[in-house]
């Protein structure tokens, strides 16, 4: 149907309602875009006023080590050989016995291996 024929056949109130129904979402969208743009502009001005801390105000590292790396020996796992279940009360608690060796005693990997899964090396 032709738009002119449709406009002539409808009463004026229905035509006005259809025009408002079409203009309403468009107006809402334009207002929303203006508000979001204004919020971005205001945030840019606010961030421009923030002062960058001087090197003296930067955080300082701690005087002591917070993370200690050690090589630990695993506990012997005693699983039943007959295929029976190992219940929680049959398990001993896991301890953290240290070997007394430092990080130097770790196994050394080759120069081409990353030492971890997904490290990007060829492995080996």
N, C-alpha and C. Protein backbone atom coordinates (compact mmCIF):
# COMPACT_ATOMS: atom_id res chain seq x y z
N UNK A 1 0.82 -1.18 0.00
CA UNK A 1 0.00 0.00 0.00
C UNK A 1 0.86 1.24 0.00
N UNK A 2 0.39 2.23 -0.61
CA UNK A 2 1.09 3.50 -0.68
C UNK A 2 0.95 4.24 0.65
N UNK A 3 2.03 4.94 1.06
CA UNK A 3 1.99 5.65 2.34
C UNK A 3 1.00 6.79 2.31
N UNK A 4 0.84 7.44 1.16
CA UNK A 4 -0.11 8.56 1.06
C UNK A 4 -1.53 8.06 1.19
N UNK A 5 -1.81 6.90 0.58
CA UNK A 5 -3.16 6.33 0.68
C UNK A 5 -3.44 5.91 2.11
N UNK A 6 -2.44 5.35 2.77
CA UNK A 6 -2.62 4.93 4.16
C UNK A 6 -2.85 6.15 5.05
N UNK A 7 -2.11 7.22 4.80
CA UNK A 7 -2.26 8.42 5.61
C UNK A 7 -3.61 9.07 5.41
N UNK A 8 -4.17 8.97 4.22
CA UNK A 8 -5.47 9.58 3.96
C UNK A 8 -6.60 8.76 4.55
N UNK A 9 -6.41 7.44 4.64
CA UNK A 9 -7.50 6.60 5.12
C UNK A 9 -7.57 6.55 6.64
N UNK A 10 -6.53 6.92 7.35
CA UNK A 10 -6.54 6.86 8.81
C UNK A 10 -7.06 8.17 9.39
N UNK A 11 -7.75 8.09 10.50
CA UNK A 11 -8.13 9.32 11.20
C UNK A 11 -6.87 10.02 11.74
N UNK A 12 -6.98 11.29 12.01
CA UNK A 12 -5.83 12.08 12.43
C UNK A 12 -5.25 11.61 13.76
N UNK A 13 -6.05 11.13 14.68
CA UNK A 13 -5.54 10.69 15.98
C UNK A 13 -4.71 9.43 15.83
N UNK A 14 -5.15 8.51 14.98
CA UNK A 14 -4.37 7.28 14.78
C UNK A 14 -3.06 7.60 14.06
N UNK A 15 -3.11 8.51 13.10
CA UNK A 15 -1.90 8.90 12.39
C UNK A 15 -0.91 9.57 13.34
N UNK A 16 -1.39 10.41 14.22
CA UNK A 16 -0.53 11.06 15.20
C UNK A 16 0.07 10.04 16.16
N UNK A 17 -0.71 9.04 16.53
CA UNK A 17 -0.21 8.00 17.43
C UNK A 17 0.90 7.19 16.76
N UNK A 18 0.75 6.89 15.47
CA UNK A 18 1.78 6.14 14.76
C UNK A 18 3.06 6.96 14.61
N UNK A 19 2.91 8.25 14.35
CA UNK A 19 4.09 9.11 14.22
C UNK A 19 4.82 9.21 15.56
N UNK A 20 4.08 9.37 16.64
CA UNK A 20 4.71 9.43 17.97
C UNK A 20 5.36 8.10 18.33
N UNK A 21 4.75 6.99 17.92
CA UNK A 21 5.33 5.68 18.20
C UNK A 21 6.65 5.50 17.45
N UNK A 22 6.77 6.12 16.29
CA UNK A 22 8.01 6.02 15.53
C UNK A 22 9.06 7.01 16.02
N UNK A 23 8.64 8.19 16.44
CA UNK A 23 9.58 9.23 16.86
C UNK A 23 10.06 8.99 18.29
N UNK A 24 9.26 8.38 19.14
CA UNK A 24 9.60 8.17 20.55
C UNK A 24 10.90 7.39 20.73
N UNK A 25 11.05 6.18 20.16
CA UNK A 25 12.30 5.44 20.33
C UNK A 25 13.51 6.16 19.73
N UNK A 26 13.29 6.84 18.61
CA UNK A 26 14.39 7.59 18.00
C UNK A 26 14.86 8.72 18.93
N UNK A 27 13.92 9.43 19.51
CA UNK A 27 14.26 10.51 20.44
C UNK A 27 14.96 9.95 21.68
N UNK A 28 14.47 8.84 22.18
CA UNK A 28 15.10 8.20 23.34
C UNK A 28 16.54 7.80 23.02
N UNK A 29 16.78 7.25 21.83
CA UNK A 29 18.13 6.86 21.44
C UNK A 29 19.06 8.04 21.33
N UNK A 30 18.59 9.14 20.76
CA UNK A 30 19.43 10.33 20.63
C UNK A 30 19.76 10.89 22.01
N UNK A 31 18.79 10.94 22.90
CA UNK A 31 19.03 11.44 24.26
C UNK A 31 20.03 10.54 24.98
N UNK A 32 19.91 9.23 24.81
CA UNK A 32 20.83 8.29 25.45
C UNK A 32 22.25 8.49 24.93
N UNK A 33 22.42 8.67 23.64
CA UNK A 33 23.75 8.89 23.07
C UNK A 33 24.35 10.19 23.59
N UNK A 34 23.55 11.24 23.69
CA UNK A 34 24.04 12.52 24.22
C UNK A 34 24.47 12.36 25.68
N UNK A 35 23.69 11.64 26.48
CA UNK A 35 24.05 11.44 27.89
C UNK A 35 25.34 10.64 28.02
N UNK A 36 25.49 9.58 27.23
CA UNK A 36 26.71 8.78 27.31
C UNK A 36 27.93 9.57 26.85
N UNK A 37 27.76 10.35 25.79
CA UNK A 37 28.86 11.21 25.34
C UNK A 37 29.24 12.24 26.39
N UNK A 38 28.25 12.83 27.05
CA UNK A 38 28.52 13.78 28.12
C UNK A 38 29.23 13.13 29.29
N UNK A 39 28.86 11.90 29.61
CA UNK A 39 29.53 11.20 30.71
C UNK A 39 30.99 10.93 30.37
N UNK A 40 31.26 10.56 29.13
CA UNK A 40 32.65 10.32 28.73
C UNK A 40 33.46 11.63 28.76
N UNK A 41 32.87 12.72 28.31
CA UNK A 41 33.55 14.01 28.33
C UNK A 41 33.85 14.43 29.77
N UNK A 42 32.86 14.27 30.66
CA UNK A 42 33.04 14.65 32.06
C UNK A 42 34.13 13.80 32.72
N UNK A 43 34.15 12.49 32.42
CA UNK A 43 35.16 11.61 33.00
C UNK A 43 36.55 11.98 32.49
N UNK A 44 36.65 12.36 31.23
CA UNK A 44 37.94 12.79 30.70
C UNK A 44 38.46 14.03 31.39
N UNK A 45 37.58 14.98 31.65
CA UNK A 45 37.98 16.19 32.38
C UNK A 45 38.39 15.86 33.81
N UNK A 46 37.65 14.95 34.45
CA UNK A 46 37.96 14.57 35.83
C UNK A 46 39.31 13.88 35.91
N UNK A 47 39.60 12.98 34.96
CA UNK A 47 40.88 12.27 34.97
C UNK A 47 42.05 13.21 34.65
N UNK A 48 41.79 14.22 33.84
CA UNK A 48 42.86 15.17 33.50
C UNK A 48 43.26 15.99 34.72
N UNK A 49 42.37 16.18 35.66
CA UNK A 49 42.67 16.96 36.87
C UNK A 49 43.41 16.14 37.92
N UNK A 50 43.43 14.80 37.80
CA UNK A 50 44.11 13.98 38.80
C UNK A 50 45.62 14.19 38.71
N UNK A 51 46.26 14.24 39.85
CA UNK A 51 47.70 14.47 39.91
C UNK A 51 48.43 13.13 39.92
N UNK A 52 49.47 13.03 39.11
CA UNK A 52 50.28 11.82 39.06
C UNK A 52 51.21 11.82 40.26
N UNK A 53 51.32 10.70 41.01
CA UNK A 53 52.19 10.69 42.19
C UNK A 53 53.67 10.81 41.80
N UNK A 54 54.41 11.50 42.64
CA UNK A 54 55.85 11.67 42.41
C UNK A 54 56.57 10.38 42.77
N UNK A 55 57.83 10.22 42.36
CA UNK A 55 58.56 8.99 42.71
C UNK A 55 58.70 8.79 44.22
N UNK A 56 58.72 9.88 44.99
CA UNK A 56 58.81 9.74 46.44
C UNK A 56 57.53 9.18 47.04
N UNK A 57 56.40 9.39 46.36
CA UNK A 57 55.11 8.92 46.87
C UNK A 57 54.79 7.50 46.42
N UNK A 58 55.63 6.90 45.59
CA UNK A 58 55.39 5.54 45.11
C UNK A 58 55.60 4.56 46.26
N UNK A 59 54.91 3.40 46.25
CA UNK A 59 55.10 2.42 47.31
C UNK A 59 56.51 1.83 47.28
N UNK A 60 57.03 1.55 48.44
CA UNK A 60 58.38 1.00 48.58
C UNK A 60 58.29 -0.51 48.81
N UNK A 61 59.29 -1.27 48.35
CA UNK A 61 59.28 -2.71 48.61
C UNK A 61 59.53 -2.99 50.09
N UNK A 62 59.10 -4.15 50.53
CA UNK A 62 59.25 -4.53 51.93
C UNK A 62 60.72 -4.77 52.26
N UNK A 63 61.08 -4.61 53.53
CA UNK A 63 62.45 -4.82 53.96
C UNK A 63 62.81 -6.30 54.08
N UNK A 64 61.81 -7.14 54.19
CA UNK A 64 62.05 -8.57 54.36
C UNK A 64 61.35 -9.34 53.25
N UNK A 65 61.80 -10.58 53.07
CA UNK A 65 61.17 -11.43 52.06
C UNK A 65 59.84 -11.92 52.58
N UNK A 66 58.85 -11.87 51.71
CA UNK A 66 57.53 -12.37 52.10
C UNK A 66 57.27 -13.75 51.54
N UNK A 67 57.99 -14.13 50.50
CA UNK A 67 57.77 -15.41 49.86
C UNK A 67 59.05 -16.22 49.94
N UNK A 68 58.98 -17.41 50.51
CA UNK A 68 60.14 -18.27 50.66
C UNK A 68 59.94 -19.50 49.79
N UNK A 69 60.92 -19.80 48.93
CA UNK A 69 60.84 -20.97 48.07
C UNK A 69 61.70 -22.07 48.66
N UNK A 70 61.12 -23.28 48.78
CA UNK A 70 61.84 -24.42 49.31
C UNK A 70 61.48 -25.64 48.48
N UNK A 71 62.36 -26.61 48.50
CA UNK A 71 62.07 -27.90 47.88
C UNK A 71 61.53 -28.79 48.99
N UNK A 72 60.37 -29.38 48.76
CA UNK A 72 59.76 -30.23 49.78
C UNK A 72 59.65 -31.65 49.28
N UNK A 73 59.82 -32.58 50.18
CA UNK A 73 59.67 -34.00 49.84
C UNK A 73 58.22 -34.39 50.06
N UNK A 74 57.69 -35.12 49.11
CA UNK A 74 56.32 -35.56 49.23
C UNK A 74 56.18 -36.69 50.23
N UNK A 75 55.00 -36.81 50.83
CA UNK A 75 54.74 -37.90 51.76
C UNK A 75 54.49 -39.18 50.98
N UNK A 76 54.78 -40.30 51.62
CA UNK A 76 54.50 -41.59 50.99
C UNK A 76 53.01 -41.82 51.03
N UNK A 77 52.45 -42.09 49.87
CA UNK A 77 51.02 -42.39 49.79
C UNK A 77 50.85 -43.90 49.89
N UNK A 78 50.15 -44.33 50.92
CA UNK A 78 49.91 -45.75 51.11
C UNK A 78 48.49 -46.07 50.67
N UNK A 79 48.36 -46.52 49.42
CA UNK A 79 47.06 -46.90 48.92
C UNK A 79 46.90 -48.41 49.05
N UNK A 80 45.69 -48.87 49.31
CA UNK A 80 45.49 -50.32 49.44
C UNK A 80 45.73 -51.02 48.10
N UNK A 81 46.46 -52.15 48.15
CA UNK A 81 46.76 -52.90 46.94
C UNK A 81 45.63 -53.84 46.53
N UNK A 82 44.72 -54.13 47.46
CA UNK A 82 43.67 -55.10 47.15
C UNK A 82 42.47 -54.47 46.43
N UNK A 83 42.52 -53.18 46.11
CA UNK A 83 41.43 -52.54 45.39
C UNK A 83 40.34 -52.00 46.28
N UNK A 84 40.49 -52.09 47.59
CA UNK A 84 39.47 -51.55 48.49
C UNK A 84 39.58 -50.03 48.55
N UNK A 85 38.54 -49.43 49.08
CA UNK A 85 38.51 -47.97 49.15
C UNK A 85 39.37 -47.46 50.29
N UNK A 86 39.90 -46.27 50.08
CA UNK A 86 40.64 -45.59 51.13
C UNK A 86 39.72 -44.51 51.68
N UNK A 87 39.28 -44.68 52.91
CA UNK A 87 38.32 -43.76 53.52
C UNK A 87 39.06 -42.58 54.15
N UNK A 88 38.36 -41.47 54.35
CA UNK A 88 39.03 -40.28 54.88
C UNK A 88 39.72 -40.50 56.22
N UNK A 89 39.14 -41.30 57.09
CA UNK A 89 39.78 -41.49 58.39
C UNK A 89 40.98 -42.42 58.30
N UNK A 90 41.15 -43.12 57.18
CA UNK A 90 42.32 -43.95 56.97
C UNK A 90 43.51 -43.15 56.43
N UNK A 91 43.22 -41.99 55.91
CA UNK A 91 44.30 -41.17 55.34
C UNK A 91 44.98 -40.39 56.44
N UNK A 92 46.28 -40.21 56.28
CA UNK A 92 46.99 -39.38 57.24
C UNK A 92 46.98 -37.94 56.72
N UNK A 93 47.19 -37.03 57.61
CA UNK A 93 47.19 -35.64 57.19
C UNK A 93 48.48 -35.35 56.44
N UNK A 94 48.41 -34.47 55.50
CA UNK A 94 49.59 -34.12 54.72
C UNK A 94 50.42 -33.12 55.51
N UNK A 95 51.69 -33.37 55.53
CA UNK A 95 52.60 -32.48 56.24
C UNK A 95 53.48 -31.77 55.23
N UNK A 96 54.22 -30.83 55.71
CA UNK A 96 55.12 -30.08 54.83
C UNK A 96 56.55 -30.22 55.35
N UNK A 97 57.12 -31.40 55.16
CA UNK A 97 58.50 -31.61 55.58
C UNK A 97 59.43 -30.96 54.58
N UNK A 98 60.33 -30.14 55.07
CA UNK A 98 61.28 -29.51 54.17
C UNK A 98 62.49 -30.40 54.03
N UNK A 99 63.16 -30.29 52.89
CA UNK A 99 64.36 -31.07 52.66
C UNK A 99 65.60 -30.36 53.18
N UNK A 100 65.47 -29.08 53.47
CA UNK A 100 66.62 -28.32 53.90
C UNK A 100 67.43 -27.80 52.73
N UNK A 101 67.00 -28.14 51.52
CA UNK A 101 67.70 -27.68 50.33
C UNK A 101 67.04 -26.41 49.82
N UNK A 102 67.79 -25.56 49.27
CA UNK A 102 67.25 -24.32 48.72
C UNK A 102 66.84 -24.49 47.26
N UNK A 103 66.56 -23.39 46.59
CA UNK A 103 66.16 -23.47 45.19
C UNK A 103 67.27 -23.96 44.27
N UNK A 104 68.54 -23.95 44.75
CA UNK A 104 69.64 -24.43 43.92
C UNK A 104 69.54 -25.93 43.68
N UNK A 105 68.88 -26.66 44.57
CA UNK A 105 68.80 -28.11 44.46
C UNK A 105 67.67 -28.57 43.56
N UNK A 106 66.97 -27.67 42.96
CA UNK A 106 65.88 -28.05 42.07
C UNK A 106 66.45 -28.72 40.82
N UNK A 107 65.68 -29.60 40.21
CA UNK A 107 66.17 -30.20 38.98
C UNK A 107 66.27 -29.15 37.87
N UNK A 108 67.39 -29.15 37.19
CA UNK A 108 67.60 -28.18 36.13
C UNK A 108 67.07 -28.74 34.82
N UNK A 109 66.33 -27.92 34.10
CA UNK A 109 65.81 -28.32 32.81
C UNK A 109 66.78 -27.85 31.74
N UNK A 110 66.62 -28.40 30.57
CA UNK A 110 67.45 -27.98 29.45
C UNK A 110 67.17 -26.53 29.07
N UNK A 111 68.03 -26.00 28.23
CA UNK A 111 67.87 -24.59 27.86
C UNK A 111 66.66 -24.38 26.96
N UNK A 112 66.18 -25.45 26.30
CA UNK A 112 65.06 -25.29 25.38
C UNK A 112 63.73 -25.62 26.03
N UNK A 113 63.72 -26.06 27.26
CA UNK A 113 62.45 -26.43 27.89
C UNK A 113 62.02 -25.33 28.84
N UNK A 114 60.72 -25.08 28.84
CA UNK A 114 60.20 -24.04 29.71
C UNK A 114 59.93 -24.53 31.11
N UNK A 115 59.77 -25.84 31.26
CA UNK A 115 59.57 -26.40 32.58
C UNK A 115 58.13 -26.40 33.04
N UNK A 116 57.21 -25.96 32.22
CA UNK A 116 55.81 -25.95 32.62
C UNK A 116 54.94 -26.24 31.41
N UNK A 117 53.79 -26.80 31.66
CA UNK A 117 52.85 -27.07 30.58
C UNK A 117 52.34 -25.75 30.03
N UNK A 118 52.34 -25.62 28.74
CA UNK A 118 51.82 -24.41 28.12
C UNK A 118 52.80 -23.25 28.13
N UNK A 119 54.09 -23.54 28.35
CA UNK A 119 55.05 -22.45 28.41
C UNK A 119 55.48 -21.97 27.04
N UNK A 120 55.08 -22.68 26.00
CA UNK A 120 55.42 -22.26 24.66
C UNK A 120 56.69 -22.87 24.14
N UNK A 121 57.37 -23.68 24.94
CA UNK A 121 58.60 -24.28 24.47
C UNK A 121 58.31 -25.61 23.79
N UNK A 122 59.35 -26.19 23.20
CA UNK A 122 59.19 -27.46 22.52
C UNK A 122 59.17 -28.63 23.49
N UNK A 123 59.56 -28.39 24.71
CA UNK A 123 59.59 -29.45 25.71
C UNK A 123 60.83 -30.30 25.55
N UNK A 124 60.84 -31.39 26.27
CA UNK A 124 61.98 -32.27 26.06
C UNK A 124 62.72 -32.47 27.26
